[in-house]
Amino acid sequence: MASQSAPDPVDAWLPLPRLLAYGLQHVLAMYAGAVAVPLIVAGALGLSREELVSLIGADLFTCGLATLVQTVGFPGFGVRLPVIQGCTFAAVGPMILIGKTGGLPSVYGAVIAAGALTLLVAPYFARLLRFFPPVVTGSIITLIGISLLPVAVRWAGGGDPSSPDFGAPAALGLAFTTFALVLLYKRVLTGFWQSVAVLLGLVSGTVISAALGMFDLAGVREGRFIAVTTPFAFGLPHFDPGAVASMALVMLVVMVESTGDFVALGELTGRPLTPEALARGLRADGLSTMLGGVLNAFPYTAYAQNVGLVALSRVRSRWVVAAAGVILVVLGLLPKLSALVAAIPAPVLGGAGLLMFGQVAASGLRTLSRVDFDSERGRMNGLIVAATLAVGLIPLGAPNFWRSLPPWLQVILQSGITAGSVTGILLHAMFARGSDGSKDAAHADPGSP
């Protein structure tokens, strides 16, 4: 009797307790990044504390809906991989500039229009997938991991590098204790418990921080029990052409970054990305961004930090991340719960983040191990990797490097992932002449011109 084929792990449905545990692990990994955008925007625009709380609730609620659109999907929408959605940092600068001149109605008008444009151009952008062979995708995945590591380092030091307490021994001790605990759990535990090593590390680190007096619950005590997101709470949207053009450029950057994250997840889950799946994923980005404009939130993209969690936990089910989406919706409606998650100290997140983001870089290196670097054409592959990483890492080494360029160009180049991706794609088109750059391709046609 023929044995039945194993079910696709991406579509695997897990028992509810495991779904919720894995989903919570994803939420904890992305939460700090998700709430950072409303914090920055509200601070720059001088919004009140009540308005800030409203923005955070709306953002979490929309993050959850956007994640459900990507993971569960419906006809024409959703990449159906374990992708968690969050607001993009690429939009922060333009939103602040738009908000200072036209207020939040102009911001949300631009967000809605840019989301609609993304939805329309997604099928055409998806045709670019053929320009992402292993030499390019491996470089981009490595770049994503390296680009995220400074975020974990800042968390590990306490969160704010300008603070006099940044890098205090207590913060560093807590961060590296969490780091060591996650490693220990991955080493000594098995099965389900090994796959939630990050969650166990975060809980253990938080318990230790409470014993050290570093766990502040003031926000939980002050928060409301229930808060409902109201569409257009800051007024009806205003569609300023300049603001729309600026946000449309941001969404172009988002499409490049999302493509890199989708490709990375396709590699990690064993479900290679197809042009059709990419088009559905980018349409979902556009739809979620439009929804963000209606619900007083922001443009949305795939969160790379959760790619690292998929790599570290090896749990590939999209339904796990769908559960994370449900948790985010609940957190958006229950401010006290979201404040409890926000109370996890930054050093605890940093300790776990160092491993998660390092794992993303390691996954990129694993993809690059399949690339031919030895033949004459392979030496060109080495140049592609070198140039992609070099250009992509410029913003990490010198954040103000591009500040003298026009603002529209800064939006592209300040995103190291986008700048590196464009560099890799262009160089591969120039040098590769139709090869995917892999060892197999090199061996299959060694005498081709």
Protein backbone atom coordinates (compact mmCIF):
# COMPACT_ATOMS: atom_id res chain seq x y z
CA MET A 1 0.00 0.00 0.00
CA ALA A 2 1.45 3.37 -1.02
CA SER A 3 2.19 5.71 1.79
CA GLN A 4 0.37 9.00 1.86
CA SER A 5 2.41 12.14 1.24
CA ALA A 6 3.10 14.30 4.26
CA PRO A 7 0.88 17.39 4.57
CA ASP A 8 2.38 20.72 3.57
CA PRO A 9 3.73 22.25 6.83
CA VAL A 10 2.68 25.72 5.63
CA ASP A 11 -0.98 24.64 5.58
CA ALA A 12 -0.78 22.44 8.69
CA TRP A 13 -3.45 23.12 11.31
CA LEU A 14 -2.11 22.69 14.84
CA PRO A 15 -3.98 22.11 18.13
CA LEU A 16 -5.45 25.35 19.47
CA PRO A 17 -3.15 25.65 22.54
CA ARG A 18 -0.10 25.37 20.30
CA LEU A 19 -1.51 27.82 17.78
CA LEU A 20 -2.03 30.40 20.51
CA ALA A 21 1.40 29.83 22.07
CA TYR A 22 3.21 30.09 18.74
CA GLY A 23 1.05 33.07 17.77
CA LEU A 24 1.83 34.89 21.01
CA GLN A 25 5.52 34.29 20.36
CA HIS A 26 5.17 36.10 17.01
CA VAL A 27 3.27 38.98 18.61
CA LEU A 28 5.96 39.48 21.26
CA ALA A 29 8.65 39.47 18.56
CA MET A 30 7.01 42.24 16.52
CA TYR A 31 5.21 44.29 19.17
CA ALA A 32 7.94 46.84 19.90
CA GLY A 33 8.35 47.63 16.21
CA ALA A 34 4.60 47.88 15.70
CA VAL A 35 4.02 50.47 18.43
CA ALA A 36 7.18 52.45 17.62
CA VAL A 37 5.66 54.05 14.50
CA PRO A 38 2.60 55.59 16.22
CA LEU A 39 4.85 56.72 19.09
CA ILE A 40 7.22 58.52 16.71
CA VAL A 41 4.48 60.05 14.56
CA ALA A 42 2.39 61.21 17.53
CA GLY A 43 5.43 62.75 19.21
CA ALA A 44 6.49 64.62 16.07
CA LEU A 45 2.99 65.96 15.41
CA GLY A 46 2.37 66.97 19.03
CA LEU A 47 -0.67 64.74 19.54
CA SER A 48 -2.23 64.34 22.97
CA ARG A 49 -1.80 61.21 25.10
CA GLU A 50 -5.40 60.22 24.37
CA GLU A 51 -4.77 60.55 20.63
CA LEU A 52 -1.58 58.50 20.97
CA VAL A 53 -3.46 55.70 22.73
CA SER A 54 -6.05 55.82 19.94
CA LEU A 55 -3.32 55.55 17.28
CA ILE A 56 -1.68 52.57 19.00
CA GLY A 57 -4.99 50.75 19.35
CA ALA A 58 -5.89 51.41 15.72
CA ASP A 59 -2.46 50.26 14.60
CA LEU A 60 -2.58 46.96 16.52
CA PHE A 61 -6.13 46.28 15.35
CA THR A 62 -5.19 46.91 11.71
CA CYS A 63 -1.96 44.89 12.06
CA GLY A 64 -4.14 41.95 13.04
CA LEU A 65 -6.55 42.38 10.14
CA ALA A 66 -3.67 42.83 7.67
CA THR A 67 -1.99 39.67 8.98
CA LEU A 68 -5.20 37.69 8.54
CA VAL A 69 -5.54 38.94 4.96
CA GLN A 70 -1.98 37.76 4.16
CA THR A 71 -2.07 34.40 5.95
CA VAL A 72 -5.66 33.19 5.46
CA GLY A 73 -6.18 35.02 2.17
CA PHE A 74 -9.18 35.21 -0.11
CA PRO A 75 -9.46 35.16 -3.91
CA GLY A 76 -6.80 37.44 -5.37
CA PHE A 77 -5.35 38.51 -2.01
CA GLY A 78 -2.82 37.10 0.44
CA VAL A 79 0.51 35.34 -0.10
CA ARG A 80 -0.62 32.54 2.28
CA LEU A 81 2.74 32.17 3.99
CA PRO A 82 3.50 32.74 7.72
CA VAL A 83 3.76 36.51 7.21
CA ILE A 84 3.00 38.94 10.01
CA GLN A 85 2.12 42.48 8.91
CA GLY A 86 3.15 45.69 10.63
CA CYS A 87 3.41 49.38 9.83
CA THR A 88 6.45 50.27 7.75
CA PHE A 89 9.17 52.57 9.07
CA ALA A 90 9.76 53.81 5.51
CA ALA A 91 6.59 55.90 5.82
CA VAL A 92 7.50 57.63 9.09
CA GLY A 93 9.42 60.58 7.62
CA PRO A 94 6.93 61.37 4.84
CA MET A 95 3.95 61.02 7.21
CA ILE A 96 5.50 63.50 9.64
CA LEU A 97 6.16 66.01 6.84
CA ILE A 98 2.64 65.62 5.46
CA GLY A 99 1.10 65.81 8.93
CA LYS A 100 2.92 69.04 9.82
CA THR A 101 1.50 70.81 6.77
CA GLY A 102 -1.88 69.18 6.20
CA GLY A 103 -2.65 67.35 9.44
CA LEU A 104 -3.69 63.74 9.83
CA PRO A 105 -6.51 63.98 7.23
CA SER A 106 -3.84 64.64 4.57
CA VAL A 107 -1.74 61.77 5.93
CA TYR A 108 -4.62 59.33 5.69
CA GLY A 109 -5.70 60.58 2.26
CA ALA A 110 -2.17 59.90 0.99
CA VAL A 111 -2.12 56.46 2.67
CA ILE A 112 -5.46 55.44 1.11
CA ALA A 113 -4.45 56.63 -2.38
CA ALA A 114 -1.01 54.97 -2.20
CA GLY A 115 -2.62 51.72 -1.04
CA ALA A 116 -5.01 51.80 -4.00
CA LEU A 117 -2.09 52.39 -6.37
CA THR A 118 -0.22 49.43 -4.85
CA LEU A 119 -3.24 47.22 -5.35
CA LEU A 120 -3.42 48.20 -9.04
CA VAL A 121 0.28 47.79 -9.90
CA ALA A 122 0.86 44.58 -7.88
CA PRO A 123 0.37 42.17 -10.84
CA TYR A 124 2.88 44.10 -12.95
CA PHE A 125 5.43 44.37 -10.14
CA ALA A 126 5.13 40.62 -9.53
CA ARG A 127 6.61 39.99 -12.98
CA LEU A 128 9.94 41.16 -11.56
CA LEU A 129 10.21 37.92 -9.56
CA ARG A 130 12.43 36.41 -12.27
CA PHE A 131 15.05 39.00 -11.29
CA PHE A 132 15.36 37.37 -7.83
CA PRO A 133 17.59 34.30 -8.44
CA PRO A 134 19.47 32.65 -5.52
CA VAL A 135 22.44 35.01 -5.76
CA VAL A 136 20.11 37.99 -5.33
CA THR A 137 17.69 36.45 -2.82
CA GLY A 138 20.53 35.08 -0.68
CA SER A 139 22.15 38.52 -0.60
CA ILE A 140 18.85 40.20 0.28
CA ILE A 141 18.00 37.73 3.04
CA THR A 142 21.47 38.17 4.53
CA LEU A 143 21.05 41.94 4.26
CA ILE A 144 17.68 41.79 6.02
CA GLY A 145 19.20 39.93 8.96
CA ILE A 146 22.21 42.22 9.28
CA SER A 147 20.02 45.32 8.94
CA LEU A 148 17.82 44.15 11.83
CA LEU A 149 20.67 43.40 14.22
CA PRO A 150 21.20 47.07 15.24
CA VAL A 151 17.54 47.13 16.35
CA ALA A 152 18.21 44.21 18.69
CA VAL A 153 21.40 45.88 19.91
CA ARG A 154 19.50 49.07 20.79
CA TRP A 155 16.88 47.05 22.63
CA ALA A 156 19.58 45.15 24.50
CA GLY A 157 21.15 48.41 25.66
CA GLY A 158 17.86 49.74 27.01
CA GLY A 159 16.11 51.10 23.92
CA ASP A 160 17.30 54.72 23.69
CA PRO A 161 20.98 55.22 22.75
CA SER A 162 20.78 58.88 23.79
CA SER A 163 19.80 57.99 27.35
CA PRO A 164 22.57 58.21 29.99
CA ASP A 165 21.46 54.78 31.20
CA PHE A 166 21.91 53.15 27.78
CA GLY A 167 24.18 50.12 28.06
CA ALA A 168 23.92 49.99 31.86
CA PRO A 169 25.20 46.72 33.37
CA ALA A 170 21.69 45.77 34.51
CA ALA A 171 20.31 46.14 30.97
CA LEU A 172 23.18 44.22 29.38
CA GLY A 173 22.98 41.51 32.02
CA LEU A 174 19.25 41.10 31.43
CA ALA A 175 19.69 41.04 27.64
CA PHE A 176 22.41 38.40 27.62
CA THR A 177 20.67 36.33 30.28
CA THR A 178 17.65 36.19 27.95
CA PHE A 179 19.99 35.43 25.04
CA ALA A 180 21.57 32.56 26.97
CA LEU A 181 18.21 31.22 28.13
CA VAL A 182 16.84 31.04 24.56
CA LEU A 183 19.98 29.15 23.51
CA LEU A 184 19.66 26.85 26.51
CA TYR A 185 15.99 26.11 25.80
CA LYS A 186 16.80 25.37 22.14
CA ARG A 187 19.56 23.00 23.25
CA VAL A 188 17.92 21.02 26.06
CA LEU A 189 14.23 21.04 25.13
CA THR A 190 12.55 19.02 22.41
CA GLY A 191 9.39 19.11 20.32
CA PHE A 192 6.85 21.79 21.10
CA TRP A 193 8.87 23.29 23.97
CA GLN A 194 11.94 23.72 21.79
CA SER A 195 9.89 25.53 19.15
CA VAL A 196 8.64 28.06 21.73
CA ALA A 197 12.15 28.70 23.09
CA VAL A 198 11.86 32.41 22.22
CA LEU A 199 8.57 32.71 24.11
CA LEU A 200 10.04 30.89 27.12
CA GLY A 201 13.10 33.15 27.00
CA LEU A 202 10.94 36.28 26.91
CA VAL A 203 8.81 35.08 29.83
CA SER A 204 11.89 34.06 31.84
CA GLY A 205 13.61 37.36 31.12
CA THR A 206 10.51 39.30 32.14
CA VAL A 207 10.24 37.36 35.43
CA ILE A 208 13.90 38.14 36.16
CA SER A 209 13.32 41.81 35.30
CA ALA A 210 10.40 41.91 37.74
CA ALA A 211 12.65 40.53 40.49
CA LEU A 212 15.16 43.28 39.68
CA GLY A 213 12.50 46.01 39.75
CA MET A 214 12.74 46.63 35.98
CA PHE A 215 9.17 45.61 35.08
CA ASP A 216 6.93 48.72 35.11
CA LEU A 217 3.15 48.08 35.15
CA ALA A 218 2.09 51.73 35.37
CA GLY A 219 0.74 51.67 31.82
CA VAL A 220 -1.41 48.64 32.61
CA ARG A 221 -2.98 50.34 35.62
CA GLU A 222 -3.70 53.54 33.70
CA GLY A 223 -5.06 51.97 30.51
CA ARG A 224 -8.71 51.61 29.57
CA PHE A 225 -10.34 48.19 29.44
CA ILE A 226 -11.95 48.50 25.99
CA ALA A 227 -11.31 50.84 23.07
CA VAL A 228 -13.08 50.55 19.71
CA THR A 229 -11.40 51.88 16.56
CA THR A 230 -13.67 54.35 14.72
CA PRO A 231 -13.10 54.97 10.99
CA PHE A 232 -11.91 58.49 10.12
CA ALA A 233 -11.62 59.44 13.79
CA PHE A 234 -9.37 62.40 12.86
CA GLY A 235 -11.62 63.69 10.09
CA LEU A 236 -12.37 62.79 6.49
CA PRO A 237 -9.26 62.20 4.36
CA HIS A 238 -7.81 64.97 2.22
CA PHE A 239 -6.09 63.97 -1.04
CA ASP A 240 -3.21 66.34 -1.65
CA PRO A 241 -1.36 65.46 -4.91
CA GLY A 242 2.12 66.08 -3.47
CA ALA A 243 1.37 64.02 -0.38
CA VAL A 244 -0.07 61.20 -2.49
CA ALA A 245 3.04 61.17 -4.73
CA SER A 246 5.30 61.02 -1.66
CA MET A 247 3.39 58.11 -0.13
CA ALA A 248 3.23 56.29 -3.47
CA LEU A 249 7.04 56.33 -3.55
CA VAL A 250 7.05 54.87 -0.04
CA MET A 251 4.81 52.04 -1.20
CA LEU A 252 7.23 51.30 -4.04
CA VAL A 253 9.89 50.80 -1.37
CA VAL A 254 7.43 48.66 0.62
CA MET A 255 6.80 46.43 -2.40
CA VAL A 256 10.53 45.77 -2.80
CA GLU A 257 10.94 45.03 0.93
CA SER A 258 7.86 42.81 1.05
CA THR A 259 9.11 40.88 -1.97
CA GLY A 260 12.39 40.22 -0.16
CA ASP A 261 10.54 39.00 2.94
CA PHE A 262 8.19 36.79 0.89
CA VAL A 263 11.14 35.26 -0.95
CA ALA A 264 12.90 34.63 2.38
CA LEU A 265 9.83 32.91 3.80
CA GLY A 266 9.46 30.86 0.63
CA GLU A 267 13.03 29.63 1.15
CA LEU A 268 12.47 28.89 4.84
CA THR A 269 9.16 27.08 4.41
CA GLY A 270 10.03 25.09 1.31
CA ARG A 271 7.26 26.77 -0.68
CA PRO A 272 9.07 28.81 -3.35
CA LEU A 273 7.38 32.09 -4.18
CA THR A 274 5.56 32.23 -7.53
CA PRO A 275 4.63 35.38 -9.46
CA GLU A 276 0.96 34.67 -8.74
CA ALA A 277 1.58 34.36 -4.98
CA LEU A 278 3.70 37.52 -5.02
CA ALA A 279 0.92 39.43 -6.80
CA ARG A 280 -1.58 38.26 -4.15
CA GLY A 281 0.79 39.28 -1.37
CA LEU A 282 1.40 42.75 -2.81
CA ARG A 283 -2.33 43.25 -3.40
CA ALA A 284 -2.84 42.40 0.26
CA ASP A 285 -0.26 45.06 1.19
CA GLY A 286 -2.21 47.59 -0.86
CA LEU A 287 -5.57 46.57 0.60
CA SER A 288 -4.22 46.64 4.15
CA THR A 289 -2.69 50.07 3.57
CA MET A 290 -6.03 51.40 2.33
CA LEU A 291 -7.65 49.88 5.40
CA GLY A 292 -4.99 51.58 7.53
CA GLY A 293 -5.96 54.95 6.09
CA VAL A 294 -9.62 54.33 6.91
CA LEU A 295 -8.94 53.07 10.46
CA ASN A 296 -6.46 55.82 11.47
CA ALA A 297 -3.42 53.60 11.06
CA PHE A 298 -0.50 53.40 8.60
CA PRO A 299 0.93 51.69 5.49
CA TYR A 300 1.61 47.99 6.06
CA THR A 301 4.32 45.55 5.05
CA ALA A 302 5.74 42.16 6.02
CA TYR A 303 7.80 42.26 9.21
CA ALA A 304 11.28 40.84 8.73
CA GLN A 305 11.82 40.17 12.45
CA ASN A 306 9.17 37.48 12.28
CA VAL A 307 10.98 35.86 9.36
CA GLY A 308 13.77 35.32 11.89
CA LEU A 309 11.34 33.71 14.31
CA VAL A 310 10.15 31.27 11.63
CA ALA A 311 13.80 30.36 10.97
CA LEU A 312 14.58 29.92 14.67
CA SER A 313 11.42 28.05 15.72
CA ARG A 314 11.07 26.03 12.47
CA VAL A 315 7.29 26.31 12.82
CA ARG A 316 6.12 26.99 9.27
CA SER A 317 2.33 26.93 9.57
CA ARG A 318 0.60 30.05 8.28
CA TRP A 319 -2.22 29.37 10.73
CA VAL A 320 0.17 30.11 13.58
CA VAL A 321 0.64 33.62 12.24
CA ALA A 322 -3.11 33.86 11.60
CA ALA A 323 -3.52 33.19 15.33
CA ALA A 324 -1.07 36.05 15.94
CA GLY A 325 -3.35 38.23 13.81
CA VAL A 326 -6.32 37.37 16.02
CA ILE A 327 -4.26 38.19 19.13
CA LEU A 328 -3.31 41.57 17.63
CA VAL A 329 -6.96 42.37 16.92
CA VAL A 330 -7.80 41.58 20.56
CA LEU A 331 -4.88 43.69 21.81
CA GLY A 332 -6.13 46.59 19.69
CA LEU A 333 -9.51 46.36 21.39
CA LEU A 334 -8.19 45.82 24.95
CA PRO A 335 -5.62 48.51 25.85
CA LYS A 336 -4.79 46.98 29.23
CA LEU A 337 -3.61 43.78 27.56
CA SER A 338 -1.56 45.67 24.98
CA ALA A 339 0.02 47.72 27.79
CA LEU A 340 0.98 44.47 29.54
CA VAL A 341 2.81 43.28 26.42
CA ALA A 342 4.43 46.70 26.04
CA ALA A 343 5.76 46.44 29.61
CA ILE A 344 8.26 43.74 28.60
CA PRO A 345 11.63 45.47 29.09
CA ALA A 346 13.59 46.37 25.95
CA PRO A 347 16.69 44.40 27.05
CA VAL A 348 14.62 41.21 27.22
CA LEU A 349 13.42 41.78 23.64
CA GLY A 350 16.97 42.60 22.61
CA GLY A 351 18.40 39.37 23.95
CA ALA A 352 15.90 37.30 21.96
CA GLY A 353 16.17 39.60 18.94
CA LEU A 354 19.92 39.06 18.59
CA LEU A 355 19.29 35.37 17.95
CA MET A 356 16.24 35.83 15.73
CA PHE A 357 17.82 38.41 13.46
CA GLY A 358 21.11 36.56 13.34
CA GLN A 359 19.13 33.52 12.20
CA VAL A 360 17.76 35.50 9.24
CA ALA A 361 21.31 36.36 8.16
CA ALA A 362 22.30 32.70 8.56
CA SER A 363 19.39 31.69 6.31
CA GLY A 364 20.66 34.08 3.64
CA LEU A 365 24.13 32.55 3.86
CA ARG A 366 22.57 29.10 3.47
CA THR A 367 20.89 30.26 0.24
CA LEU A 368 24.20 31.71 -0.98
CA SER A 369 25.86 28.35 -0.36
CA ARG A 370 23.95 27.07 -3.42
CA VAL A 371 25.39 29.80 -5.63
CA ASP A 372 28.31 29.19 -8.00
CA PHE A 373 31.28 31.38 -7.02
CA ASP A 374 34.04 29.33 -8.71
CA SER A 375 33.53 29.58 -12.45
CA GLU A 376 34.20 32.68 -14.52
CA ARG A 377 30.52 33.60 -14.28
CA GLY A 378 30.63 32.73 -10.58
CA ARG A 379 33.15 35.49 -9.96
CA MET A 380 30.48 37.89 -11.19
CA ASN A 381 28.17 36.39 -8.58
CA GLY A 382 30.72 37.33 -5.94
CA LEU A 383 30.61 40.92 -7.17
CA ILE A 384 26.81 40.93 -7.03
CA VAL A 385 26.84 39.78 -3.38
CA ALA A 386 29.57 42.26 -2.48
CA ALA A 387 27.83 45.23 -4.10
CA THR A 388 24.40 44.32 -2.70
CA LEU A 389 25.69 44.13 0.87
CA ALA A 390 27.93 47.19 0.49
CA VAL A 391 25.18 49.50 -0.78
CA GLY A 392 22.55 48.03 1.54
CA LEU A 393 24.65 48.50 4.67
CA ILE A 394 25.49 52.17 4.05
CA PRO A 395 22.53 53.47 6.14
CA LEU A 396 23.68 51.30 9.06
CA GLY A 397 27.19 52.69 9.05
CA ALA A 398 26.22 56.30 8.31
CA PRO A 399 22.50 57.08 8.76
CA ASN A 400 22.93 60.59 7.29
CA PHE A 401 24.99 59.48 4.29
CA TRP A 402 22.26 60.33 1.74
CA ARG A 403 20.90 63.51 3.39
CA SER A 404 22.13 65.86 0.61
CA LEU A 405 20.12 64.06 -2.06
CA PRO A 406 16.53 64.96 -3.07
CA PRO A 407 13.92 63.74 -0.56
CA TRP A 408 12.32 61.31 -3.04
CA LEU A 409 15.69 59.64 -3.59
CA GLN A 410 16.41 59.54 0.13
CA VAL A 411 13.21 57.54 0.67
CA ILE A 412 14.64 54.80 -1.53
CA LEU A 413 18.28 54.87 -0.45
CA GLN A 414 17.64 55.24 3.28
CA SER A 415 16.05 51.80 3.18
CA GLY A 416 19.16 49.65 2.97
CA ILE A 417 17.08 46.61 2.03
CA THR A 418 15.53 48.45 -0.91
CA ALA A 419 18.82 50.01 -2.07
CA GLY A 420 20.61 46.66 -1.79
CA SER A 421 17.80 44.82 -3.59
CA VAL A 422 17.81 47.26 -6.51
CA THR A 423 21.62 46.99 -6.71
CA GLY A 424 21.53 43.18 -6.77
CA ILE A 425 18.74 43.05 -9.36
CA LEU A 426 20.46 45.51 -11.71
CA LEU A 427 23.88 43.85 -11.45
CA HIS A 428 22.43 40.38 -12.01
CA ALA A 429 20.63 41.67 -15.13
CA MET A 430 23.95 43.13 -16.36
CA PHE A 431 26.28 40.23 -15.52
CA ALA A 432 24.32 36.98 -15.40
CA ARG A 433 22.98 36.87 -18.99
CA GLY A 434 20.10 34.52 -18.23
CA SER A 435 21.63 32.26 -15.58
CA ASP A 436 20.15 31.97 -12.11
CA GLY A 437 23.69 31.88 -10.70
CA SER A 438 23.25 28.54 -8.93
CA LYS A 439 25.80 25.73 -8.90
CA ASP A 440 23.33 23.45 -10.67
CA ALA A 441 22.90 25.93 -13.51
CA ALA A 442 26.66 26.32 -13.82
CA HIS A 443 27.16 22.55 -13.99
CA ALA A 444 24.27 22.01 -16.39
CA ASP A 445 25.65 24.35 -19.04
CA PRO A 446 29.36 24.84 -18.40
CA GLY A 447 30.17 25.91 -21.92
CA SER A 448 27.47 28.50 -22.47
CA PRO A 449 28.62 32.01 -23.35
